[in-house]
């Protein structure tokens, strides 16, 4: 997409994002200081940048997993998830952290959480980089939040517009 960066207004600079992720990593390490290993599930594609930077800053031993899920049909969420790429490991009896880029309506994370809880993990927590509370339709317990953001269309640092802009190193937004 041509000139995307020229259209963006900075919401959080690259430095601010990295500082906040370091704070989250420290908090997660403290919460999991007594465990042997943590299964970290990166929700593709948007959370890839956040997850990688987060786990690089963590001291907790991790097993890195990825899932790709969808709850959208066109531009509307269905409330049910379709798993496009499932886990490669059994999470039964394990401590699990879901890492997602954003929570807005809550439908996707609620459905994903219910699916993973049915697999009987020892514990299940959720980390999101961005929480768009204004759009929430269903409540989901989120344990770690990078930022509560306004109801703006965010781009950069994993967030995209039609698959473009994920590699922009900061979080920006497009004016409506």
N, C-alpha and C. Protein backbone atom coordinates (compact mmCIF):
# COMPACT_ATOMS: atom_id res chain seq x y z
N UNK A 1 0.85 -1.18 0.00
CA UNK A 1 0.00 0.00 0.00
C UNK A 1 0.90 1.24 0.00
N UNK A 2 0.75 2.02 -1.01
CA UNK A 2 1.60 3.19 -1.20
C UNK A 2 1.38 4.28 -0.15
N UNK A 3 2.45 4.83 0.34
CA UNK A 3 2.43 5.99 1.25
C UNK A 3 1.63 5.78 2.53
N UNK A 4 1.52 4.54 2.98
CA UNK A 4 0.75 4.26 4.19
C UNK A 4 1.31 5.03 5.39
N UNK A 5 2.63 5.00 5.56
CA UNK A 5 3.22 5.68 6.72
C UNK A 5 2.95 7.17 6.72
N UNK A 6 2.85 7.77 5.54
CA UNK A 6 2.57 9.21 5.45
C UNK A 6 1.18 9.54 5.98
N UNK A 7 0.27 8.57 5.94
CA UNK A 7 -1.11 8.79 6.38
C UNK A 7 -1.30 8.52 7.88
N UNK A 8 -0.28 7.90 8.52
CA UNK A 8 -0.42 7.51 9.93
C UNK A 8 -0.04 8.62 10.88
N UNK A 9 -0.75 8.65 11.99
CA UNK A 9 -0.38 9.49 13.13
C UNK A 9 0.14 8.53 14.19
N UNK A 10 1.23 8.90 14.86
CA UNK A 10 1.84 8.01 15.84
C UNK A 10 0.99 7.97 17.11
N UNK A 11 0.63 6.76 17.53
CA UNK A 11 -0.07 6.56 18.80
C UNK A 11 0.96 6.20 19.87
N UNK A 12 1.86 5.26 19.56
CA UNK A 12 2.94 4.86 20.48
C UNK A 12 4.20 4.68 19.65
N UNK A 13 5.26 5.35 20.03
CA UNK A 13 6.53 5.24 19.31
C UNK A 13 7.13 3.86 19.52
N UNK A 14 8.12 3.54 18.70
CA UNK A 14 8.82 2.26 18.83
C UNK A 14 9.43 2.14 20.22
N UNK A 15 10.01 3.21 20.73
CA UNK A 15 10.63 3.19 22.06
C UNK A 15 9.58 2.97 23.16
N UNK A 16 8.44 3.63 23.03
CA UNK A 16 7.37 3.46 24.02
C UNK A 16 6.85 2.02 24.02
N UNK A 17 6.70 1.44 22.83
CA UNK A 17 6.21 0.07 22.72
C UNK A 17 7.20 -0.89 23.37
N UNK A 18 8.47 -0.74 23.07
CA UNK A 18 9.48 -1.64 23.63
C UNK A 18 9.58 -1.50 25.15
N UNK A 19 9.46 -0.29 25.66
CA UNK A 19 9.50 -0.07 27.11
C UNK A 19 8.30 -0.75 27.78
N UNK A 20 7.13 -0.61 27.19
CA UNK A 20 5.92 -1.22 27.76
C UNK A 20 6.01 -2.74 27.71
N UNK A 21 6.54 -3.29 26.64
CA UNK A 21 6.69 -4.74 26.53
C UNK A 21 7.65 -5.25 27.59
N UNK A 22 8.73 -4.52 27.85
CA UNK A 22 9.68 -4.91 28.90
C UNK A 22 8.98 -4.94 30.26
N UNK A 23 8.09 -3.98 30.51
CA UNK A 23 7.34 -3.95 31.76
C UNK A 23 6.41 -5.17 31.87
N UNK A 24 5.75 -5.50 30.77
CA UNK A 24 4.87 -6.67 30.76
C UNK A 24 5.67 -7.96 30.98
N UNK A 25 6.82 -8.07 30.33
CA UNK A 25 7.67 -9.26 30.49
C UNK A 25 8.08 -9.44 31.95
N UNK A 26 8.43 -8.35 32.59
CA UNK A 26 8.83 -8.40 34.00
C UNK A 26 7.67 -8.86 34.88
N UNK A 27 6.48 -8.34 34.59
CA UNK A 27 5.28 -8.72 35.35
C UNK A 27 4.95 -10.20 35.14
N UNK A 28 5.05 -10.68 33.91
CA UNK A 28 4.77 -12.08 33.60
C UNK A 28 5.80 -12.97 34.29
N UNK A 29 7.07 -12.59 34.22
CA UNK A 29 8.12 -13.36 34.91
C UNK A 29 7.84 -13.47 36.40
N UNK A 30 7.41 -12.39 36.99
CA UNK A 30 7.11 -12.40 38.43
C UNK A 30 5.93 -13.34 38.71
N UNK A 31 4.90 -13.27 37.89
CA UNK A 31 3.72 -14.12 38.09
C UNK A 31 4.02 -15.60 37.89
N UNK A 32 4.99 -15.92 37.05
CA UNK A 32 5.31 -17.32 36.72
C UNK A 32 6.65 -17.76 37.30
N UNK A 33 7.14 -17.07 38.33
CA UNK A 33 8.49 -17.36 38.86
C UNK A 33 8.63 -18.77 39.43
N UNK A 34 7.54 -19.39 39.82
CA UNK A 34 7.63 -20.71 40.45
C UNK A 34 7.29 -21.87 39.52
N UNK A 35 7.19 -21.62 38.22
CA UNK A 35 6.85 -22.72 37.31
C UNK A 35 8.07 -23.18 36.52
N UNK A 36 7.98 -24.42 36.02
CA UNK A 36 9.07 -25.02 35.26
C UNK A 36 9.10 -24.51 33.82
N UNK A 37 7.91 -24.36 33.22
CA UNK A 37 7.82 -23.88 31.84
C UNK A 37 6.45 -23.29 31.57
N UNK A 38 6.42 -22.40 30.60
CA UNK A 38 5.20 -21.72 30.20
C UNK A 38 5.02 -21.93 28.70
N UNK A 39 3.83 -22.36 28.31
CA UNK A 39 3.54 -22.46 26.88
C UNK A 39 2.96 -21.11 26.46
N UNK A 40 3.67 -20.44 25.56
CA UNK A 40 3.24 -19.14 25.05
C UNK A 40 2.66 -19.38 23.66
N UNK A 41 1.39 -19.00 23.49
CA UNK A 41 0.71 -19.20 22.21
C UNK A 41 0.54 -17.86 21.51
N UNK A 42 1.27 -17.69 20.43
CA UNK A 42 1.17 -16.49 19.59
C UNK A 42 0.00 -16.68 18.64
N UNK A 43 -0.91 -15.71 18.62
CA UNK A 43 -2.05 -15.78 17.71
C UNK A 43 -1.68 -15.02 16.43
N UNK A 44 -1.54 -15.78 15.37
CA UNK A 44 -1.11 -15.23 14.07
C UNK A 44 -2.24 -14.47 13.40
N UNK A 45 -1.94 -13.52 12.60
CA UNK A 45 -0.64 -13.02 12.23
C UNK A 45 -0.27 -11.82 13.09
N UNK A 46 -1.25 -11.10 13.55
CA UNK A 46 -1.03 -9.82 14.19
C UNK A 46 -0.14 -9.82 15.41
N UNK A 47 -0.18 -10.88 16.20
CA UNK A 47 0.57 -10.88 17.47
C UNK A 47 2.01 -11.33 17.32
N UNK A 48 2.45 -11.65 16.11
CA UNK A 48 3.80 -12.17 15.93
C UNK A 48 4.87 -11.21 16.43
N UNK A 49 4.78 -9.95 16.08
CA UNK A 49 5.80 -8.97 16.49
C UNK A 49 5.81 -8.81 18.00
N UNK A 50 4.64 -8.64 18.59
CA UNK A 50 4.49 -8.48 20.03
C UNK A 50 5.01 -9.71 20.77
N UNK A 51 4.62 -10.89 20.32
CA UNK A 51 5.01 -12.12 21.01
C UNK A 51 6.52 -12.31 21.01
N UNK A 52 7.13 -12.14 19.86
CA UNK A 52 8.58 -12.33 19.76
C UNK A 52 9.31 -11.35 20.68
N UNK A 53 8.94 -10.08 20.63
CA UNK A 53 9.61 -9.10 21.50
C UNK A 53 9.34 -9.40 22.97
N UNK A 54 8.14 -9.85 23.30
CA UNK A 54 7.80 -10.16 24.69
C UNK A 54 8.63 -11.32 25.21
N UNK A 55 8.67 -12.43 24.49
CA UNK A 55 9.39 -13.60 25.00
C UNK A 55 10.90 -13.38 25.03
N UNK A 56 11.42 -12.54 24.15
CA UNK A 56 12.85 -12.23 24.18
C UNK A 56 13.23 -11.49 25.47
N UNK A 57 12.27 -10.78 26.04
CA UNK A 57 12.53 -10.01 27.26
C UNK A 57 12.21 -10.81 28.54
N UNK A 58 11.59 -11.97 28.37
CA UNK A 58 11.21 -12.79 29.52
C UNK A 58 12.35 -13.71 29.95
N UNK A 59 12.37 -14.03 31.24
CA UNK A 59 13.34 -14.98 31.79
C UNK A 59 12.71 -16.36 32.00
N UNK A 60 11.39 -16.42 32.07
CA UNK A 60 10.65 -17.67 32.29
C UNK A 60 10.93 -18.63 31.12
N UNK A 61 11.24 -19.90 31.41
CA UNK A 61 11.41 -20.88 30.33
C UNK A 61 10.08 -21.06 29.59
N UNK A 62 10.14 -20.98 28.27
CA UNK A 62 8.91 -21.08 27.48
C UNK A 62 8.99 -22.15 26.42
N UNK A 63 7.81 -22.60 26.01
CA UNK A 63 7.63 -23.36 24.78
C UNK A 63 6.81 -22.44 23.89
N UNK A 64 7.31 -22.18 22.71
CA UNK A 64 6.69 -21.24 21.79
C UNK A 64 5.76 -21.98 20.84
N UNK A 65 4.50 -21.60 20.84
CA UNK A 65 3.49 -22.20 19.96
C UNK A 65 2.79 -21.10 19.17
N UNK A 66 2.18 -21.48 18.07
CA UNK A 66 1.38 -20.53 17.29
C UNK A 66 0.03 -21.15 16.96
N UNK A 67 -0.95 -20.29 16.86
CA UNK A 67 -2.28 -20.67 16.37
C UNK A 67 -2.74 -19.58 15.42
N UNK A 68 -3.54 -19.97 14.46
CA UNK A 68 -4.20 -18.98 13.61
C UNK A 68 -5.68 -19.28 13.66
N UNK A 69 -6.44 -18.28 14.08
CA UNK A 69 -7.88 -18.43 14.22
C UNK A 69 -8.59 -17.28 13.54
N UNK A 70 -9.83 -17.51 13.21
CA UNK A 70 -10.64 -16.46 12.61
C UNK A 70 -12.05 -16.56 13.17
N UNK A 71 -12.65 -15.41 13.40
CA UNK A 71 -14.05 -15.41 13.81
C UNK A 71 -14.84 -14.45 12.92
N UNK A 72 -14.25 -14.10 11.80
CA UNK A 72 -14.89 -13.13 10.92
C UNK A 72 -15.38 -13.78 9.64
N UNK A 73 -16.51 -13.28 9.18
CA UNK A 73 -17.01 -13.60 7.86
C UNK A 73 -17.15 -12.24 7.18
N UNK A 74 -16.25 -11.94 6.27
CA UNK A 74 -16.21 -10.58 5.72
C UNK A 74 -15.70 -9.63 6.78
N UNK A 75 -16.48 -8.59 7.08
CA UNK A 75 -16.05 -7.62 8.08
C UNK A 75 -16.78 -7.79 9.40
N UNK A 76 -17.65 -8.78 9.50
CA UNK A 76 -18.42 -8.99 10.72
C UNK A 76 -17.96 -10.23 11.46
N UNK A 77 -17.86 -10.12 12.78
CA UNK A 77 -17.48 -11.27 13.59
C UNK A 77 -18.66 -12.21 13.77
N UNK A 78 -18.39 -13.50 13.77
CA UNK A 78 -19.46 -14.48 13.90
C UNK A 78 -19.66 -14.93 15.34
N UNK A 79 -18.63 -14.71 16.18
CA UNK A 79 -18.72 -15.16 17.57
C UNK A 79 -18.22 -16.59 17.76
N UNK A 80 -18.03 -17.32 16.66
CA UNK A 80 -17.46 -18.67 16.72
C UNK A 80 -16.12 -18.62 16.00
N UNK A 81 -15.16 -19.45 16.47
CA UNK A 81 -13.86 -19.40 15.82
C UNK A 81 -13.67 -20.57 14.86
N UNK A 82 -12.91 -20.28 13.85
CA UNK A 82 -12.45 -21.29 12.91
C UNK A 82 -10.94 -21.38 13.13
N UNK A 83 -10.44 -22.58 13.45
CA UNK A 83 -9.01 -22.75 13.68
C UNK A 83 -8.34 -23.10 12.36
N UNK A 84 -7.51 -22.16 11.89
CA UNK A 84 -6.80 -22.36 10.63
C UNK A 84 -5.48 -23.08 10.84
N UNK A 85 -4.85 -22.86 11.99
CA UNK A 85 -3.61 -23.55 12.35
C UNK A 85 -3.69 -23.83 13.84
N UNK A 86 -3.68 -25.11 14.23
CA UNK A 86 -3.82 -25.50 15.63
C UNK A 86 -2.45 -25.71 16.27
N UNK A 87 -2.47 -25.93 17.57
CA UNK A 87 -1.26 -26.16 18.33
C UNK A 87 -0.58 -27.47 17.92
N UNK A 88 0.74 -27.50 18.11
CA UNK A 88 1.49 -28.72 17.85
C UNK A 88 1.70 -29.54 19.12
N UNK A 89 1.28 -29.00 20.27
CA UNK A 89 1.51 -29.73 21.53
C UNK A 89 0.22 -29.82 22.33
N UNK A 90 0.22 -30.74 23.27
CA UNK A 90 -0.88 -30.94 24.20
C UNK A 90 -0.68 -29.97 25.36
N UNK A 91 -1.70 -29.19 25.69
CA UNK A 91 -1.56 -28.22 26.79
C UNK A 91 -2.19 -28.72 28.09
N UNK A 92 -2.68 -29.94 28.09
CA UNK A 92 -3.29 -30.50 29.29
C UNK A 92 -2.30 -30.48 30.45
N UNK A 93 -2.73 -29.88 31.58
CA UNK A 93 -1.90 -29.82 32.77
C UNK A 93 -0.78 -28.80 32.71
N UNK A 94 -0.73 -27.99 31.66
CA UNK A 94 0.36 -27.02 31.47
C UNK A 94 -0.12 -25.60 31.78
N UNK A 95 0.84 -24.73 32.08
CA UNK A 95 0.56 -23.31 32.24
C UNK A 95 0.66 -22.67 30.86
N UNK A 96 -0.38 -21.90 30.48
CA UNK A 96 -0.50 -21.38 29.12
C UNK A 96 -0.75 -19.88 29.15
N UNK A 97 -0.07 -19.18 28.24
CA UNK A 97 -0.29 -17.75 28.05
C UNK A 97 -0.63 -17.52 26.58
N UNK A 98 -1.83 -17.00 26.34
CA UNK A 98 -2.24 -16.59 24.98
C UNK A 98 -1.71 -15.17 24.78
N UNK A 99 -1.06 -14.94 23.64
CA UNK A 99 -0.60 -13.59 23.31
C UNK A 99 -1.30 -13.15 22.04
N UNK A 100 -2.08 -12.09 22.15
CA UNK A 100 -2.88 -11.57 21.04
C UNK A 100 -2.54 -10.10 20.83
N UNK A 101 -2.72 -9.63 19.61
CA UNK A 101 -2.39 -8.23 19.34
C UNK A 101 -3.43 -7.28 19.94
N UNK A 102 -4.72 -7.61 19.77
CA UNK A 102 -5.77 -6.66 20.19
C UNK A 102 -7.01 -7.41 20.64
N UNK A 103 -7.70 -6.81 21.57
CA UNK A 103 -9.05 -7.26 21.92
C UNK A 103 -9.97 -6.08 21.68
N UNK A 104 -10.99 -6.30 20.87
CA UNK A 104 -11.99 -5.25 20.68
C UNK A 104 -13.36 -5.77 21.10
N UNK A 105 -14.10 -6.45 20.24
CA UNK A 105 -15.44 -6.93 20.65
C UNK A 105 -15.33 -7.99 21.74
N UNK A 106 -14.24 -8.78 21.70
CA UNK A 106 -14.05 -9.85 22.67
C UNK A 106 -14.51 -11.20 22.17
N UNK A 107 -15.24 -11.24 21.07
CA UNK A 107 -15.78 -12.50 20.57
C UNK A 107 -14.69 -13.53 20.26
N UNK A 108 -13.65 -13.12 19.54
CA UNK A 108 -12.61 -14.07 19.15
C UNK A 108 -11.89 -14.62 20.37
N UNK A 109 -11.45 -13.73 21.26
CA UNK A 109 -10.71 -14.19 22.44
C UNK A 109 -11.57 -15.02 23.37
N UNK A 110 -12.83 -14.69 23.49
CA UNK A 110 -13.72 -15.50 24.34
C UNK A 110 -13.84 -16.91 23.79
N UNK A 111 -14.06 -17.03 22.49
CA UNK A 111 -14.20 -18.35 21.88
C UNK A 111 -12.88 -19.12 21.95
N UNK A 112 -11.77 -18.44 21.71
CA UNK A 112 -10.47 -19.10 21.78
C UNK A 112 -10.18 -19.56 23.20
N UNK A 113 -10.47 -18.72 24.16
CA UNK A 113 -10.26 -19.06 25.57
C UNK A 113 -11.08 -20.30 25.95
N UNK A 114 -12.36 -20.34 25.54
CA UNK A 114 -13.21 -21.49 25.84
C UNK A 114 -12.66 -22.76 25.20
N UNK A 115 -12.19 -22.64 23.95
CA UNK A 115 -11.62 -23.80 23.26
C UNK A 115 -10.39 -24.31 24.01
N UNK A 116 -9.50 -23.42 24.39
CA UNK A 116 -8.27 -23.84 25.07
C UNK A 116 -8.55 -24.36 26.48
N UNK A 117 -9.51 -23.76 27.18
CA UNK A 117 -9.87 -24.28 28.51
C UNK A 117 -10.41 -25.70 28.43
N UNK A 118 -11.08 -26.02 27.34
CA UNK A 118 -11.62 -27.38 27.17
C UNK A 118 -10.50 -28.42 27.03
N UNK A 119 -9.29 -27.94 26.79
CA UNK A 119 -8.13 -28.84 26.66
C UNK A 119 -7.43 -29.06 28.00
N UNK A 120 -8.02 -28.52 29.06
CA UNK A 120 -7.61 -28.76 30.46
C UNK A 120 -6.19 -28.31 30.82
N UNK A 121 -5.84 -27.04 30.52
CA UNK A 121 -4.54 -26.56 30.98
C UNK A 121 -4.55 -26.38 32.50
N UNK A 122 -3.39 -26.35 33.11
CA UNK A 122 -3.27 -26.06 34.53
C UNK A 122 -3.73 -24.63 34.80
N UNK A 123 -3.27 -23.70 33.95
CA UNK A 123 -3.69 -22.30 34.05
C UNK A 123 -3.70 -21.71 32.66
N UNK A 124 -4.51 -20.67 32.48
CA UNK A 124 -4.61 -20.00 31.18
C UNK A 124 -4.76 -18.51 31.42
N UNK A 125 -3.80 -17.74 30.93
CA UNK A 125 -3.85 -16.29 31.02
C UNK A 125 -3.75 -15.70 29.62
N UNK A 126 -4.12 -14.42 29.53
CA UNK A 126 -4.13 -13.73 28.24
C UNK A 126 -3.35 -12.43 28.35
N UNK A 127 -2.50 -12.18 27.34
CA UNK A 127 -1.79 -10.91 27.20
C UNK A 127 -2.19 -10.30 25.86
N UNK A 128 -2.52 -9.02 25.88
CA UNK A 128 -2.81 -8.30 24.63
C UNK A 128 -1.99 -7.02 24.60
N UNK A 129 -1.57 -6.65 23.41
CA UNK A 129 -0.86 -5.38 23.29
C UNK A 129 -1.84 -4.22 23.40
N UNK A 130 -3.01 -4.36 22.79
CA UNK A 130 -3.97 -3.26 22.75
C UNK A 130 -5.36 -3.73 23.16
N UNK A 131 -5.99 -2.94 24.00
CA UNK A 131 -7.35 -3.21 24.45
C UNK A 131 -8.22 -2.05 24.01
N UNK A 132 -9.15 -2.33 23.11
CA UNK A 132 -10.06 -1.31 22.59
C UNK A 132 -11.41 -1.48 23.29
N UNK A 133 -11.46 -1.03 24.56
CA UNK A 133 -12.63 -1.28 25.42
C UNK A 133 -13.94 -0.71 24.87
N UNK A 134 -13.85 0.39 24.15
CA UNK A 134 -15.07 1.02 23.62
C UNK A 134 -15.87 0.07 22.73
N UNK A 135 -15.20 -0.90 22.12
CA UNK A 135 -15.88 -1.81 21.19
C UNK A 135 -16.30 -3.12 21.82
N UNK A 136 -16.05 -3.30 23.11
CA UNK A 136 -16.31 -4.59 23.77
C UNK A 136 -17.79 -4.94 23.74
N UNK A 137 -18.07 -6.16 23.31
CA UNK A 137 -19.43 -6.69 23.30
C UNK A 137 -19.59 -7.79 24.35
N UNK A 138 -18.51 -8.55 24.60
CA UNK A 138 -18.51 -9.61 25.61
C UNK A 138 -17.26 -9.45 26.47
N UNK A 139 -17.40 -9.76 27.74
CA UNK A 139 -16.26 -9.63 28.64
C UNK A 139 -15.37 -10.86 28.56
N UNK A 140 -14.08 -10.62 28.60
CA UNK A 140 -13.06 -11.66 28.58
C UNK A 140 -12.01 -11.26 29.61
N UNK A 141 -11.61 -12.17 30.49
CA UNK A 141 -10.58 -11.81 31.46
C UNK A 141 -9.22 -11.70 30.78
N UNK A 142 -8.67 -10.50 30.75
CA UNK A 142 -7.35 -10.26 30.16
C UNK A 142 -6.41 -9.92 31.31
N UNK A 143 -5.32 -10.66 31.40
CA UNK A 143 -4.41 -10.55 32.54
C UNK A 143 -3.32 -9.49 32.35
N UNK A 144 -2.90 -9.29 31.11
CA UNK A 144 -1.82 -8.35 30.82
C UNK A 144 -2.23 -7.49 29.63
N UNK A 145 -2.23 -6.17 29.82
CA UNK A 145 -2.63 -5.25 28.77
C UNK A 145 -1.50 -4.25 28.54
N UNK A 146 -1.06 -4.17 27.30
CA UNK A 146 -0.04 -3.19 26.96
C UNK A 146 -0.61 -1.79 27.04
N UNK A 147 -1.66 -1.55 26.28
CA UNK A 147 -2.29 -0.23 26.23
C UNK A 147 -3.80 -0.36 26.09
N UNK A 148 -4.52 0.53 26.74
CA UNK A 148 -5.93 0.73 26.43
C UNK A 148 -5.94 1.81 25.37
N UNK A 149 -6.50 1.47 24.21
CA UNK A 149 -6.44 2.42 23.09
C UNK A 149 -7.82 2.95 22.74
N UNK A 150 -7.84 4.13 22.13
CA UNK A 150 -9.13 4.68 21.68
C UNK A 150 -9.65 3.89 20.49
N UNK A 151 -10.89 4.12 20.14
CA UNK A 151 -11.53 3.42 19.03
C UNK A 151 -11.03 4.00 17.71
N UNK A 152 -9.77 3.70 17.40
CA UNK A 152 -9.15 4.15 16.16
C UNK A 152 -8.64 2.93 15.42
N UNK A 153 -8.46 3.06 14.11
CA UNK A 153 -7.94 1.98 13.30
C UNK A 153 -6.42 2.02 13.38
N UNK A 154 -5.84 1.06 14.13
CA UNK A 154 -4.40 1.07 14.36
C UNK A 154 -3.66 0.26 13.29
N UNK A 155 -2.46 0.74 12.97
CA UNK A 155 -1.61 0.13 11.96
C UNK A 155 -0.17 0.19 12.47
N UNK A 156 0.59 -0.85 12.16
CA UNK A 156 1.99 -0.90 12.55
C UNK A 156 2.19 -1.85 13.71
N UNK A 157 3.42 -2.30 13.87
CA UNK A 157 3.79 -3.23 14.92
C UNK A 157 2.83 -4.43 14.99
N UNK A 158 2.58 -5.01 13.82
CA UNK A 158 1.72 -6.19 13.73
C UNK A 158 0.30 -5.89 13.27
N UNK A 159 -0.17 -4.68 13.54
CA UNK A 159 -1.51 -4.29 13.09
C UNK A 159 -1.44 -3.93 11.61
N UNK A 160 -2.47 -4.31 10.86
CA UNK A 160 -2.40 -4.10 9.41
C UNK A 160 -3.67 -3.45 8.87
N UNK A 161 -3.53 -2.97 7.65
CA UNK A 161 -4.68 -2.57 6.85
C UNK A 161 -4.55 -3.36 5.55
N UNK A 162 -5.47 -4.29 5.34
CA UNK A 162 -5.43 -5.19 4.17
C UNK A 162 -4.06 -5.85 4.02
N UNK A 163 -3.50 -6.33 5.14
CA UNK A 163 -2.22 -7.05 5.22
C UNK A 163 -0.99 -6.15 5.09
N UNK A 164 -1.15 -4.86 4.90
CA UNK A 164 -0.01 -3.95 4.79
C UNK A 164 0.22 -3.22 6.12
N UNK A 165 1.46 -2.87 6.35
CA UNK A 165 1.80 -2.02 7.49
C UNK A 165 2.23 -2.75 8.75
N UNK A 166 2.16 -4.08 8.76
CA UNK A 166 2.54 -4.82 9.97
C UNK A 166 3.98 -4.53 10.39
N UNK A 167 4.87 -4.29 9.44
CA UNK A 167 6.29 -4.11 9.73
C UNK A 167 6.68 -2.68 10.09
N UNK A 168 5.73 -1.78 10.18
CA UNK A 168 6.02 -0.43 10.68
C UNK A 168 6.36 -0.58 12.16
N UNK A 169 7.49 -0.03 12.62
CA UNK A 169 7.98 -0.35 13.97
C UNK A 169 7.28 0.36 15.14
N UNK A 170 6.28 1.15 14.86
CA UNK A 170 5.53 1.83 15.91
C UNK A 170 4.04 1.57 15.69
N UNK A 171 3.21 1.97 16.65
CA UNK A 171 1.76 1.84 16.49
C UNK A 171 1.22 3.20 16.09
N UNK A 172 0.61 3.23 14.92
CA UNK A 172 -0.01 4.45 14.43
C UNK A 172 -1.48 4.23 14.21
N UNK A 173 -2.15 5.28 13.78
CA UNK A 173 -3.57 5.14 13.48
C UNK A 173 -3.93 5.97 12.26
N UNK A 174 -4.98 5.54 11.62
CA UNK A 174 -5.52 6.27 10.48
C UNK A 174 -6.69 7.12 10.96
N UNK A 175 -6.72 8.34 10.53
CA UNK A 175 -7.88 9.20 10.86
C UNK A 175 -9.10 8.69 10.12
N UNK A 176 -10.25 8.80 10.75
CA UNK A 176 -11.50 8.36 10.10
C UNK A 176 -11.90 9.31 9.01
